[in-house]
Amino acid sequence: MKNILNKFLLLLIGLPLMVSCVDDLDTAPEGSILTEAQKAEVAELLPERLSADLNGMYAIMGAQFPVLPSNERHDDYGYPSITLALDHNGPDMVSPDAGFNWFGTPGRFQDRNYTFASPYIRWAFFYNQIKLANDLLSAIPEDTESQELLYYKGQALAVRAFDYFHLVQMYQFTYLGNEDKPAVPIITHDMEEEPIENPRATVREVYELIMNDLNAAIPLLEGFQRPNKNAVNQQVAYGIRARVNLVMGNWQQAASDAATARAGFPFLSLSEAAQPGFNSVSAPNWMWGVIINPINIPSNYVNWPSKLSSFVDNSYTANVGQYKSINNLLWSKIPDSDVRKGWWVDANLESPILENLRWPGFPDDPIGPLSISEVKMPFLPYTNIKFAANNNVIGNTDNASDWVLMRSEEMLLIEAEALAMGGDVPAGAALLEDFIRNYRNPEYTVTASGAQDFRMEIWKQRRVELWGEGFSFFDLMRLNQNLVRFNDRIQTNYPEVMRFNMAAGDPWLLLRIPLREINSNRGISEGDNNSGGSQPTIGAGAGLSDPITD
């Protein structure tokens, strides 16, 4: 055993802290093979050595080119790139139909082509992280009594549930009413090897795996004190389960999990909400986030600030005008008394948030219309200024801001919706009204009377509060609502090629399983893929309604 241990120690020397290789525990430096029993023995003796694998599982969340490293696509930078693609599939995120728009494909719904890279990135990212979680789980003995290993196991199970939860929502309609429809293949650590024939599991089977993982993870994480907010602790696992219970219609459990998850996390205050932010895990309301280190993003353009923040230099936003804006149909429904209306500039490129802010070197020029050659183009109407530059330094060029994965406000909105849908509308309304009045709009009053009306009010609040954070498309799907980008009320700011509506249940809403998976998995043929519908054309779906923006 001592010889094996020495080999393992030598193997670990020089491994990058934030990189996980699937073969790390398989081959000793001399080329000899460690058996499964030997690996388990090593892992039991040195649980801290598995921390490199654990860190690798988290590091992929914010890595550049985690899916297609040879292609170096600028929409391949971990989980934040997934959220932007999903939000471009929704009704509320607008981007120009012009050069350098890496998210024009999902904006036009061309990403239902199963040979395209954009949807493949979404598929492969989550399965790559599932593989990392499975590798970690397979290295932990089933009967271990090591507290460190049990904490590792709990984190890996929670992350795997997080991944499958995203996949099942992209490749099939929402849980209720679709339980027996095909979803995605399941791969777990206790399979002897990844099956050559692995057909799509049903929605029910995927959700059973998700819930089993979370139900196992939560007690395993009891007492775990995480080193930083990029790790999953017990409260984050409760938060993930709250999301899942909300989709499944388990109202009481969703409300309880959300309340437990957010306990001790304050909300962003009214004054804090009146300035750009959403860029650092140090924010007290952040429960879970991706920590971005400048050393991990050698390209200043391949990251989320370059695509989403309107205050950064060396970016696709300020440098070339690829700003991300809110659909003005939604913006026009935000009361002027709501501080969040200032998260976007108006048609005149003004916002109360910008009044005391200036671009470095231009102390007398308002930021909105400011034009600086090769540095900043003028904002577009309704450009977002919600997301600050790194360290809140306007014109910052390192673009190493953290990314929010979960925050207390989302949990509050889940709790309020679940309370109302579970039969207690007054309790849900009181919770929501107290939050909005004290933290967003002092003049706010809940007017919805029934559960469904209140649920639509929650949807409106989620669309405003969580804009740009990756919830828009999934909310549309779970609520079975039409995707509405334009109507007859006012002229939308969507560019013409993205100006269309889609009916709830349209088969084109579902992503297609990538051709690469079909070619490598004998359990899935082209005939087993999602089908039906067609790419929407300009002006399609005129007359479809949206209870929030009509």
Protein backbone atom coordinates (compact mmCIF):
# COMPACT_ATOMS: atom_id res chain seq x y z
CA MET A 1 0.00 0.00 0.00
CA LYS A 2 2.86 2.37 0.73
CA ASN A 3 4.14 1.96 -2.85
CA ILE A 4 0.68 2.75 -4.24
CA LEU A 5 0.44 5.77 -1.99
CA ASN A 6 3.79 7.06 -3.17
CA LYS A 7 2.72 6.66 -6.78
CA PHE A 8 -0.44 8.56 -6.09
CA LEU A 9 1.41 11.36 -4.36
CA LEU A 10 3.80 11.65 -7.28
CA LEU A 11 0.88 11.69 -9.67
CA LEU A 12 -0.65 14.63 -7.89
CA ILE A 13 2.49 16.74 -7.87
CA GLY A 14 2.21 19.46 -10.44
CA LEU A 15 -1.47 19.05 -11.13
CA PRO A 16 -3.11 22.45 -11.61
CA LEU A 17 -5.40 23.17 -8.72
CA MET A 18 -8.37 24.09 -10.89
CA VAL A 19 -8.09 21.34 -13.54
CA SER A 20 -9.63 17.88 -13.33
CA CYS A 21 -8.56 15.08 -15.66
CA VAL A 22 -10.70 11.97 -15.86
CA ASP A 23 -7.58 9.76 -15.94
CA ASP A 24 -5.89 11.26 -12.85
CA LEU A 25 -6.78 8.33 -10.63
CA ASP A 26 -6.25 5.64 -13.26
CA THR A 27 -2.61 5.64 -14.28
CA ALA A 28 0.49 5.99 -12.13
CA PRO A 29 3.48 7.92 -13.60
CA GLU A 30 5.29 4.70 -14.51
CA GLY A 31 2.29 3.58 -16.56
CA SER A 32 1.03 0.96 -14.10
CA ILE A 33 -2.70 0.81 -13.43
CA LEU A 34 -4.33 1.33 -10.06
CA THR A 35 -7.24 -1.01 -9.45
CA GLU A 36 -10.61 0.26 -8.28
CA ALA A 37 -9.92 -1.17 -4.83
CA GLN A 38 -6.58 0.60 -4.68
CA LYS A 39 -8.10 3.88 -5.81
CA ALA A 40 -10.74 3.57 -3.11
CA GLU A 41 -8.05 2.87 -0.52
CA VAL A 42 -6.04 5.88 -1.62
CA ALA A 43 -9.13 8.07 -1.60
CA GLU A 44 -10.02 6.89 1.88
CA LEU A 45 -6.55 7.64 3.21
CA LEU A 46 -6.14 10.97 1.44
CA PRO A 47 -9.58 12.51 0.93
CA GLU A 48 -8.09 15.96 0.59
CA ARG A 49 -6.33 14.78 -2.60
CA LEU A 50 -9.71 14.54 -4.31
CA SER A 51 -10.12 18.26 -3.84
CA ALA A 52 -8.49 18.79 -7.26
CA ASP A 53 -11.31 16.81 -8.86
CA LEU A 54 -13.85 18.75 -6.81
CA ASN A 55 -12.30 22.06 -7.83
CA GLY A 56 -12.31 20.93 -11.45
CA MET A 57 -16.03 20.22 -11.25
CA TYR A 58 -16.61 23.82 -10.17
CA ALA A 59 -13.92 25.37 -12.39
CA ILE A 60 -15.70 24.34 -15.59
CA MET A 61 -18.52 26.73 -14.63
CA GLY A 62 -16.43 29.78 -15.49
CA ALA A 63 -13.76 28.38 -17.81
CA GLN A 64 -13.03 29.64 -21.30
CA PHE A 65 -13.61 27.09 -24.08
CA PRO A 66 -14.70 24.21 -21.80
CA VAL A 67 -16.57 22.50 -24.67
CA LEU A 68 -14.83 23.39 -27.94
CA PRO A 69 -11.25 24.37 -27.03
CA SER A 70 -9.91 23.91 -30.55
CA ASN A 71 -12.60 26.09 -32.11
CA GLU A 72 -12.26 28.93 -29.59
CA ARG A 73 -15.82 30.05 -30.13
CA HIS A 74 -16.56 33.24 -28.23
CA ASP A 75 -19.89 31.88 -26.97
CA ASP A 76 -18.13 29.03 -25.15
CA TYR A 77 -17.17 30.29 -21.70
CA GLY A 78 -18.94 28.07 -19.22
CA TYR A 79 -22.25 28.48 -17.47
CA PRO A 80 -22.67 32.25 -18.06
CA SER A 81 -22.64 31.60 -21.82
CA ILE A 82 -25.42 29.03 -21.33
CA THR A 83 -27.58 31.59 -19.54
CA LEU A 84 -27.15 34.16 -22.31
CA ALA A 85 -28.10 31.61 -24.96
CA LEU A 86 -31.20 30.63 -22.98
CA ASP A 87 -32.20 34.24 -22.37
CA HIS A 88 -31.91 34.90 -26.10
CA ASN A 89 -34.48 32.13 -26.55
CA GLY A 90 -36.86 34.10 -24.33
CA PRO A 91 -39.06 37.16 -24.77
CA ASP A 92 -37.09 39.80 -22.89
CA MET A 93 -33.45 39.98 -24.03
CA VAL A 94 -32.74 42.01 -27.15
CA SER A 95 -29.44 42.17 -29.02
CA PRO A 96 -28.59 43.82 -32.34
CA ASP A 97 -28.82 41.95 -35.62
CA ALA A 98 -25.30 42.98 -36.55
CA GLY A 99 -21.76 41.68 -36.68
CA PHE A 100 -20.11 40.11 -33.63
CA ASN A 101 -23.41 38.90 -32.16
CA TRP A 102 -22.47 35.48 -30.84
CA PHE A 103 -26.03 34.98 -29.61
CA GLY A 104 -27.87 35.86 -32.80
CA THR A 105 -28.42 32.15 -33.50
CA PRO A 106 -30.54 31.53 -30.36
CA GLY A 107 -32.12 34.98 -30.80
CA ARG A 108 -33.41 33.89 -34.20
CA PHE A 109 -34.19 30.35 -32.96
CA GLN A 110 -31.79 28.89 -35.50
CA ASP A 111 -30.26 26.88 -32.66
CA ARG A 112 -32.79 24.08 -33.18
CA ASN A 113 -30.54 22.85 -35.98
CA TYR A 114 -28.86 19.77 -34.52
CA THR A 115 -25.59 20.33 -36.38
CA PHE A 116 -24.97 23.83 -35.00
CA ALA A 117 -22.30 24.57 -32.38
CA SER A 118 -24.45 26.87 -30.25
CA PRO A 119 -26.89 24.17 -29.06
CA TYR A 120 -24.09 21.61 -28.84
CA ILE A 121 -22.30 23.82 -26.32
CA ARG A 122 -25.37 23.66 -24.08
CA TRP A 123 -25.59 19.88 -24.35
CA ALA A 124 -21.90 19.17 -23.90
CA PHE A 125 -21.30 21.63 -21.07
CA PHE A 126 -23.73 19.89 -18.74
CA TYR A 127 -22.69 16.36 -19.71
CA ASN A 128 -19.03 17.31 -19.26
CA GLN A 129 -19.78 18.49 -15.75
CA ILE A 130 -21.87 15.39 -15.08
CA LYS A 131 -18.82 13.34 -16.09
CA LEU A 132 -16.68 15.25 -13.58
CA ALA A 133 -19.28 14.69 -10.85
CA ASN A 134 -19.54 11.01 -11.72
CA ASP A 135 -15.76 10.59 -11.65
CA LEU A 136 -15.67 12.10 -8.19
CA LEU A 137 -18.55 9.93 -6.96
CA SER A 138 -16.98 6.76 -8.36
CA ALA A 139 -13.75 7.44 -6.44
CA ILE A 140 -15.56 7.68 -3.08
CA PRO A 141 -16.16 4.32 -1.36
CA GLU A 142 -19.82 3.62 -0.72
CA ASP A 143 -19.14 2.79 2.93
CA THR A 144 -16.78 5.67 3.64
CA GLU A 145 -16.89 7.26 7.07
CA SER A 146 -14.61 10.13 6.09
CA GLN A 147 -16.45 13.39 6.70
CA GLU A 148 -14.49 15.13 3.94
CA LEU A 149 -15.48 12.47 1.43
CA LEU A 150 -19.11 12.66 2.49
CA TYR A 151 -19.02 16.42 1.92
CA TYR A 152 -17.46 15.83 -1.51
CA LYS A 153 -20.17 13.31 -2.29
CA GLY A 154 -22.92 15.69 -1.28
CA GLN A 155 -21.52 18.43 -3.51
CA ALA A 156 -21.11 16.12 -6.50
CA LEU A 157 -24.68 14.83 -6.16
CA ALA A 158 -26.08 18.36 -5.94
CA VAL A 159 -24.12 19.55 -8.98
CA ARG A 160 -25.22 16.51 -10.98
CA ALA A 161 -28.83 17.28 -10.10
CA PHE A 162 -28.29 20.90 -11.16
CA ASP A 163 -26.99 19.70 -14.54
CA TYR A 164 -29.77 17.21 -15.26
CA PHE A 165 -32.35 19.80 -14.21
CA HIS A 166 -31.09 22.11 -16.94
CA LEU A 167 -30.94 19.37 -19.55
CA VAL A 168 -34.44 18.05 -18.95
CA GLN A 169 -35.91 21.53 -19.29
CA MET A 170 -34.15 22.16 -22.61
CA TYR A 171 -35.06 18.90 -24.33
CA GLN A 172 -38.66 18.34 -23.24
CA PHE A 173 -41.65 20.36 -22.12
CA THR A 174 -42.23 20.97 -18.43
CA TYR A 175 -42.74 18.14 -15.95
CA LEU A 176 -46.47 18.32 -15.32
CA GLY A 177 -48.35 16.61 -18.12
CA ASN A 178 -45.22 15.40 -19.89
CA GLU A 179 -43.88 12.88 -17.39
CA ASP A 180 -43.70 9.96 -19.82
CA LYS A 181 -42.20 11.82 -22.79
CA PRO A 182 -38.55 11.26 -23.76
CA ALA A 183 -36.03 13.64 -22.23
CA VAL A 184 -32.28 12.98 -22.15
CA PRO A 185 -29.98 9.97 -21.57
CA ILE A 186 -28.96 9.26 -17.99
CA ILE A 187 -25.35 8.53 -17.10
CA THR A 188 -24.46 7.87 -13.45
CA HIS A 189 -21.32 6.89 -11.58
CA ASP A 190 -22.63 3.45 -10.63
CA MET A 191 -22.86 2.26 -14.23
CA GLU A 192 -20.05 -0.20 -14.95
CA GLU A 193 -19.22 1.87 -18.03
CA GLU A 194 -20.98 4.42 -20.16
CA PRO A 195 -23.41 2.39 -22.26
CA ILE A 196 -22.95 2.30 -26.02
CA GLU A 197 -26.72 2.21 -26.33
CA ASN A 198 -28.23 4.77 -23.98
CA PRO A 199 -31.70 5.90 -25.08
CA ARG A 200 -33.49 8.99 -23.83
CA ALA A 201 -34.89 8.49 -20.35
CA THR A 202 -38.38 9.80 -19.68
CA VAL A 203 -39.02 13.11 -17.99
CA ARG A 204 -40.21 11.21 -14.93
CA GLU A 205 -37.01 9.15 -14.76
CA VAL A 206 -34.78 12.20 -15.04
CA TYR A 207 -36.68 14.02 -12.30
CA GLU A 208 -36.50 10.92 -10.11
CA LEU A 209 -32.71 10.97 -10.49
CA ILE A 210 -32.60 14.71 -9.76
CA MET A 211 -34.69 14.38 -6.61
CA ASN A 212 -32.84 11.28 -5.41
CA ASP A 213 -29.53 13.11 -5.80
CA LEU A 214 -30.77 16.17 -3.93
CA ASN A 215 -32.46 14.14 -1.19
CA ALA A 216 -29.16 12.34 -0.66
CA ALA A 217 -27.01 15.47 -0.91
CA ILE A 218 -28.85 17.59 1.65
CA PRO A 219 -28.16 15.40 4.72
CA LEU A 220 -24.61 14.72 3.51
CA LEU A 221 -23.93 18.48 3.53
CA GLU A 222 -25.11 18.98 7.11
CA GLY A 223 -22.44 21.00 8.89
CA PHE A 224 -20.35 21.63 5.78
CA GLN A 225 -18.56 24.99 5.95
CA ARG A 226 -17.60 25.80 2.39
CA PRO A 227 -14.36 27.67 1.68
CA ASN A 228 -16.12 30.14 -0.62
CA LYS A 229 -19.40 30.69 -2.44
CA ASN A 230 -18.47 28.77 -5.56
CA ALA A 231 -19.10 25.55 -3.61
CA VAL A 232 -22.49 24.00 -2.95
CA ASN A 233 -23.41 23.89 0.72
CA GLN A 234 -26.59 22.59 2.30
CA GLN A 235 -28.54 25.82 1.77
CA VAL A 236 -27.66 25.89 -1.92
CA ALA A 237 -28.78 22.26 -2.24
CA TYR A 238 -32.09 23.27 -0.64
CA GLY A 239 -32.28 26.10 -3.18
CA ILE A 240 -31.77 23.75 -6.12
CA ARG A 241 -34.44 21.44 -4.72
CA ALA A 242 -36.79 24.43 -4.30
CA ARG A 243 -36.43 25.11 -8.03
CA VAL A 244 -37.15 21.49 -8.88
CA ASN A 245 -40.16 21.28 -6.55
CA LEU A 246 -41.57 24.45 -8.11
CA VAL A 247 -41.45 22.90 -11.58
CA MET A 248 -42.96 19.64 -10.30
CA GLY A 249 -45.81 21.44 -8.56
CA ASN A 250 -44.77 20.30 -5.09
CA TRP A 251 -45.90 23.59 -3.60
CA GLN A 252 -45.45 22.99 0.12
CA GLN A 253 -42.01 21.48 -0.37
CA ALA A 254 -40.95 24.27 -2.75
CA ALA A 255 -41.97 26.97 -0.26
CA SER A 256 -40.26 25.20 2.63
CA ASP A 257 -37.04 24.55 0.70
CA ALA A 258 -36.85 28.14 -0.54
CA ALA A 259 -37.35 29.54 2.96
CA THR A 260 -34.68 27.23 4.36
CA ALA A 261 -32.28 28.06 1.52
CA ARG A 262 -32.44 31.83 1.92
CA ALA A 263 -32.34 31.93 5.73
CA GLY A 264 -29.62 34.36 6.81
CA PHE A 265 -29.09 35.88 3.37
CA PRO A 266 -30.27 39.51 3.18
CA PHE A 267 -31.79 41.14 0.11
CA LEU A 268 -30.14 43.76 -2.06
CA SER A 269 -31.19 47.03 -0.47
CA LEU A 270 -33.08 49.81 -2.22
CA SER A 271 -29.96 51.99 -2.33
CA GLU A 272 -27.76 49.12 -3.51
CA ALA A 273 -30.26 48.32 -6.27
CA ALA A 274 -29.96 51.93 -7.46
CA GLN A 275 -26.48 51.32 -8.86
CA PRO A 276 -24.87 48.77 -11.19
CA GLY A 277 -23.82 45.54 -9.53
CA PHE A 278 -24.31 41.77 -9.90
CA ASN A 279 -20.60 41.17 -10.36
CA SER A 280 -19.15 39.75 -7.12
CA VAL A 281 -19.77 36.78 -4.83
CA SER A 282 -19.00 39.10 -1.93
CA ALA A 283 -22.52 40.50 -2.26
CA PRO A 284 -24.41 39.37 0.86
CA ASN A 285 -27.49 38.36 -1.15
CA TRP A 286 -25.52 35.94 -3.33
CA MET A 287 -25.97 32.37 -2.13
CA TRP A 288 -23.92 30.67 -4.86
CA GLY A 289 -21.77 32.01 -7.64
CA VAL A 290 -19.03 31.33 -10.16
CA ILE A 291 -15.79 32.89 -8.99
CA ILE A 292 -13.85 34.22 -11.97
CA ASN A 293 -10.11 34.67 -11.61
CA PRO A 294 -8.35 36.85 -14.22
CA ILE A 295 -5.75 34.12 -14.65
CA ASN A 296 -8.48 31.83 -16.01
CA ILE A 297 -9.65 34.21 -18.73
CA PRO A 298 -6.68 34.99 -20.98
CA SER A 299 -9.01 36.41 -23.63
CA ASN A 300 -10.76 39.61 -22.54
CA TYR A 301 -13.53 39.00 -25.05
CA VAL A 302 -14.52 35.43 -24.10
CA ASN A 303 -16.42 36.03 -20.88
CA TRP A 304 -19.78 37.28 -19.68
CA PRO A 305 -18.88 40.96 -18.97
CA SER A 306 -17.72 41.33 -22.56
CA LYS A 307 -21.16 40.20 -23.74
CA LEU A 308 -23.46 41.64 -21.06
CA SER A 309 -21.96 44.47 -19.04
CA SER A 310 -22.23 47.87 -20.72
CA PHE A 311 -19.38 49.38 -18.68
CA VAL A 312 -16.35 47.34 -19.80
CA ASP A 313 -13.60 48.03 -22.29
CA ASN A 314 -12.15 45.24 -24.46
CA SER A 315 -15.67 43.95 -25.00
CA TYR A 316 -18.35 43.09 -27.51
CA THR A 317 -20.67 45.55 -25.78
CA ALA A 318 -18.99 48.95 -25.53
CA ASN A 319 -16.35 48.38 -28.23
CA VAL A 320 -18.64 47.21 -31.04
CA GLY A 321 -22.12 48.08 -29.78
CA GLN A 322 -23.38 44.57 -29.07
CA TYR A 323 -25.31 45.79 -26.04
CA LYS A 324 -27.94 43.60 -24.41
CA SER A 325 -31.23 45.40 -23.90
CA ILE A 326 -34.60 44.66 -22.35
CA ASN A 327 -37.65 44.28 -24.58
CA ASN A 328 -39.37 47.64 -24.20
CA LEU A 329 -42.74 45.84 -23.98
CA LEU A 330 -41.66 44.66 -20.53
CA TRP A 331 -39.75 47.81 -19.60
CA SER A 332 -42.84 49.94 -20.20
CA LYS A 333 -44.72 47.87 -17.62
CA ILE A 334 -42.24 48.67 -14.84
CA PRO A 335 -43.54 51.57 -12.68
CA ASP A 336 -41.40 54.69 -12.53
CA SER A 337 -41.37 54.34 -8.74
CA ASP A 338 -39.58 50.96 -9.06
CA VAL A 339 -35.80 51.35 -8.69
CA ARG A 340 -35.30 48.49 -11.14
CA LYS A 341 -36.60 50.55 -14.05
CA GLY A 342 -33.23 52.28 -13.89
CA TRP A 343 -31.45 48.99 -14.62
CA TRP A 344 -32.02 49.93 -18.27
CA VAL A 345 -31.70 53.28 -20.01
CA ASP A 346 -34.79 54.77 -21.60
CA ALA A 347 -35.32 55.72 -25.24
CA ASN A 348 -33.17 58.83 -24.63
CA LEU A 349 -30.32 56.72 -23.20
CA GLU A 350 -30.91 58.08 -19.71
CA SER A 351 -31.36 56.44 -16.32
CA PRO A 352 -31.25 57.75 -12.73
CA ILE A 353 -28.47 55.23 -12.12
CA LEU A 354 -26.22 57.00 -14.63
CA GLU A 355 -26.64 60.53 -13.27
CA ASN A 356 -23.50 60.51 -11.13
CA LEU A 357 -21.44 58.06 -13.20
CA ARG A 358 -18.89 59.00 -15.83
CA TRP A 359 -16.55 57.14 -18.15
CA PRO A 360 -12.90 57.74 -17.16
CA GLY A 361 -11.48 60.77 -18.94
CA PHE A 362 -14.88 62.21 -19.78
CA PRO A 363 -16.11 63.91 -16.59
CA ASP A 364 -18.56 66.21 -18.36
CA ASP A 365 -20.18 63.72 -20.74
CA PRO A 366 -23.19 61.53 -19.89
CA ILE A 367 -22.29 57.89 -20.37
CA GLY A 368 -25.32 56.87 -22.43
CA PRO A 369 -24.67 58.81 -25.67
CA LEU A 370 -20.91 58.97 -25.17
CA SER A 371 -18.86 57.78 -28.16
CA ILE A 372 -15.13 57.07 -27.82
CA SER A 373 -13.30 55.80 -30.87
CA GLU A 374 -12.38 52.10 -30.51
CA VAL A 375 -13.44 52.19 -26.85
CA LYS A 376 -17.16 52.87 -26.46
CA MET A 377 -20.12 53.17 -28.78
CA PRO A 378 -23.29 54.97 -27.66
CA PHE A 379 -25.82 52.88 -25.78
CA LEU A 380 -28.88 51.67 -27.61
CA PRO A 381 -32.39 52.43 -26.29
CA TYR A 382 -33.17 50.19 -23.31
CA THR A 383 -29.56 49.00 -22.93
CA ASN A 384 -29.01 47.27 -19.61
CA ILE A 385 -26.83 48.90 -16.97
CA LYS A 386 -27.70 46.29 -14.35
CA PHE A 387 -24.34 44.51 -14.55
CA ALA A 388 -21.32 46.49 -13.39
CA ALA A 389 -17.73 46.16 -14.55
CA ASN A 390 -15.28 44.21 -12.43
CA ASN A 391 -14.64 45.91 -9.08
CA ASN A 392 -17.25 48.48 -10.16
CA VAL A 393 -14.57 50.32 -12.16
CA ILE A 394 -16.12 51.80 -15.30
CA GLY A 395 -13.94 51.09 -18.32
CA ASN A 396 -12.25 48.14 -16.61
CA THR A 397 -10.51 45.87 -19.09
CA ASP A 398 -9.88 42.66 -17.13
CA ASN A 399 -13.51 41.46 -17.42
CA ALA A 400 -13.07 39.04 -14.52
CA SER A 401 -16.39 39.55 -12.77
CA ASP A 402 -18.06 36.71 -10.85
CA TRP A 403 -21.35 35.23 -12.03
CA VAL A 404 -24.42 34.77 -9.83
CA LEU A 405 -25.94 31.28 -9.70
CA MET A 406 -28.41 31.77 -6.87
CA ARG A 407 -29.49 34.67 -4.69
CA SER A 408 -31.93 35.30 -1.90
CA GLU A 409 -34.41 37.29 -4.03
CA GLU A 410 -35.02 34.32 -6.31
CA MET A 411 -35.75 32.11 -3.31
CA LEU A 412 -38.23 34.71 -1.98
CA LEU A 413 -40.06 34.69 -5.31
CA ILE A 414 -40.20 30.87 -5.32
CA GLU A 415 -41.53 30.85 -1.77
CA ALA A 416 -44.23 33.43 -2.54
CA GLU A 417 -45.39 31.64 -5.70
CA ALA A 418 -45.43 28.24 -4.02
CA LEU A 419 -47.38 29.54 -1.03
CA ALA A 420 -50.05 30.98 -3.32
CA MET A 421 -50.24 27.95 -5.58
CA GLY A 422 -50.46 25.74 -2.51
CA GLY A 423 -53.64 27.54 -1.44
CA ASP A 424 -52.43 30.42 0.71
CA VAL A 425 -52.59 33.43 -1.61
CA PRO A 426 -52.64 35.98 1.26
CA ALA A 427 -49.39 34.61 2.67
CA GLY A 428 -47.70 34.69 -0.74
CA ALA A 429 -49.01 38.19 -1.43
CA ALA A 430 -47.84 39.48 1.94
CA LEU A 431 -44.38 38.04 1.37
CA LEU A 432 -44.08 39.59 -2.08
CA GLU A 433 -45.52 42.96 -1.10
CA ASP A 434 -43.20 43.28 1.87
CA PHE A 435 -40.18 42.51 -0.28
CA ILE A 436 -41.03 44.83 -3.18
CA ARG A 437 -42.09 47.75 -0.92
CA ASN A 438 -38.96 47.61 1.20
CA TYR A 439 -36.37 46.75 -1.42
CA ARG A 440 -37.59 47.77 -4.90
CA ASN A 441 -40.69 50.00 -5.04
CA PRO A 442 -42.09 51.75 -1.95
CA GLU A 443 -45.42 52.34 -3.73
CA TYR A 444 -46.02 48.69 -4.63
CA THR A 445 -49.26 46.89 -3.77
CA VAL A 446 -50.34 43.40 -4.77
CA THR A 447 -53.65 43.58 -6.63
CA ALA A 448 -53.96 39.97 -7.82
CA SER A 449 -56.78 38.11 -6.10
CA GLY A 450 -56.59 34.45 -7.16
CA ALA A 451 -53.69 32.02 -7.29
CA GLN A 452 -53.28 32.11 -11.07
CA ASP A 453 -53.41 35.92 -11.21
CA PHE A 454 -50.85 36.09 -8.44
CA ARG A 455 -48.67 33.58 -10.27
CA MET A 456 -48.62 35.91 -13.27
CA GLU A 457 -47.60 38.76 -10.96
CA ILE A 458 -44.72 36.62 -9.71
CA TRP A 459 -43.77 35.90 -13.31
CA LYS A 460 -43.62 39.62 -14.00
CA GLN A 461 -41.43 40.18 -10.95
CA ARG A 462 -39.13 37.33 -11.96
CA ARG A 463 -38.79 38.72 -15.47
CA VAL A 464 -37.71 42.08 -14.06
CA GLU A 465 -35.70 40.99 -11.02
CA LEU A 466 -33.87 38.08 -12.66
CA TRP A 467 -33.40 39.60 -16.11
CA GLY A 468 -30.16 38.44 -17.71
CA GLU A 469 -29.54 35.67 -15.16
CA GLY A 470 -30.82 32.76 -17.24
CA PHE A 471 -34.37 32.17 -15.98
CA SER A 472 -36.48 33.70 -18.74
CA PHE A 473 -36.83 30.75 -21.12
CA PHE A 474 -37.30 28.12 -18.42
CA ASP A 475 -40.02 30.21 -16.76
CA LEU A 476 -41.79 30.52 -20.09
CA MET A 477 -41.73 26.74 -20.51
CA ARG A 478 -42.80 25.78 -16.98
CA LEU A 479 -45.70 28.27 -17.06
CA ASN A 480 -46.75 27.10 -20.54
CA GLN A 481 -46.93 30.66 -21.83
CA ASN A 482 -46.62 32.10 -25.33
CA LEU A 483 -43.34 33.67 -26.31
CA VAL A 484 -44.32 37.23 -27.23
CA ARG A 485 -41.76 39.70 -28.54
CA PHE A 486 -44.06 42.15 -30.29
CA ASN A 487 -47.68 43.30 -30.13
CA ASP A 488 -49.88 46.16 -31.29
CA ARG A 489 -49.50 48.19 -28.08
CA ILE A 490 -46.12 49.76 -28.77
CA GLN A 491 -43.30 49.24 -31.25
CA THR A 492 -40.90 46.63 -29.90
CA ASN A 493 -37.15 47.22 -30.03
CA TYR A 494 -36.46 43.67 -31.25
CA PRO A 495 -34.60 43.73 -34.59
CA GLU A 496 -36.75 42.58 -37.49
CA VAL A 497 -35.24 39.09 -37.89
CA MET A 498 -35.96 38.32 -34.22
CA ARG A 499 -39.39 39.96 -34.23
CA PHE A 500 -41.78 37.01 -33.99
CA ASN A 501 -43.98 35.25 -31.46
CA MET A 502 -44.33 31.54 -30.72
CA ALA A 503 -47.27 29.67 -29.23
CA ALA A 504 -46.85 27.70 -26.02
CA GLY A 505 -46.24 24.08 -26.91
CA ASP A 506 -44.70 24.84 -30.30
CA PRO A 507 -42.35 21.88 -31.00
CA TRP A 508 -39.68 24.33 -32.19
CA LEU A 509 -39.24 25.46 -28.58
CA LEU A 510 -37.42 22.20 -27.80
CA LEU A 511 -33.71 21.90 -28.49
CA ARG A 512 -32.61 19.04 -30.73
CA ILE A 513 -30.17 16.41 -29.52
CA PRO A 514 -26.86 17.19 -31.27
CA LEU A 515 -25.73 15.10 -34.23
CA ARG A 516 -22.50 14.28 -32.38
CA GLU A 517 -24.50 12.51 -29.68
CA ILE A 518 -26.59 10.62 -32.23
CA ASN A 519 -23.44 9.45 -34.02
CA SER A 520 -21.83 8.19 -30.81
CA ASN A 521 -24.88 6.83 -28.96
CA ARG A 522 -26.53 3.82 -30.59
CA GLY A 523 -29.51 4.25 -28.32
CA ILE A 524 -30.58 7.43 -30.13
CA SER A 525 -31.32 7.70 -33.83
CA GLU A 526 -32.34 10.71 -35.85
CA GLY A 527 -35.90 9.46 -35.58
CA ASP A 528 -35.68 9.62 -31.77
CA ASN A 529 -34.83 13.32 -31.81
CA ASN A 530 -37.21 16.16 -31.06
CA SER A 531 -39.02 17.17 -34.22
CA GLY A 532 -41.84 19.30 -35.54
CA GLY A 533 -42.33 23.00 -35.92
CA SER A 534 -40.13 25.26 -37.95
CA GLN A 535 -37.90 28.26 -37.45
CA PRO A 536 -40.21 31.27 -36.96
CA THR A 537 -40.29 33.92 -39.66
CA ILE A 538 -40.47 37.68 -39.32
CA GLY A 539 -43.85 38.69 -37.94
CA ALA A 540 -44.97 35.13 -37.18
CA GLY A 541 -47.39 34.65 -34.30
CA ALA A 542 -48.97 38.10 -34.54
CA GLY A 543 -51.89 38.24 -32.15
CA LEU A 544 -50.49 35.84 -29.57
CA SER A 545 -50.89 37.28 -26.09
CA ASP A 546 -48.69 37.72 -23.05
CA PRO A 547 -50.53 38.54 -19.80
CA ILE A 548 -47.58 40.62 -18.61
CA THR A 549 -46.78 42.81 -21.60
CA ASP A 550 -50.16 43.14 -23.37
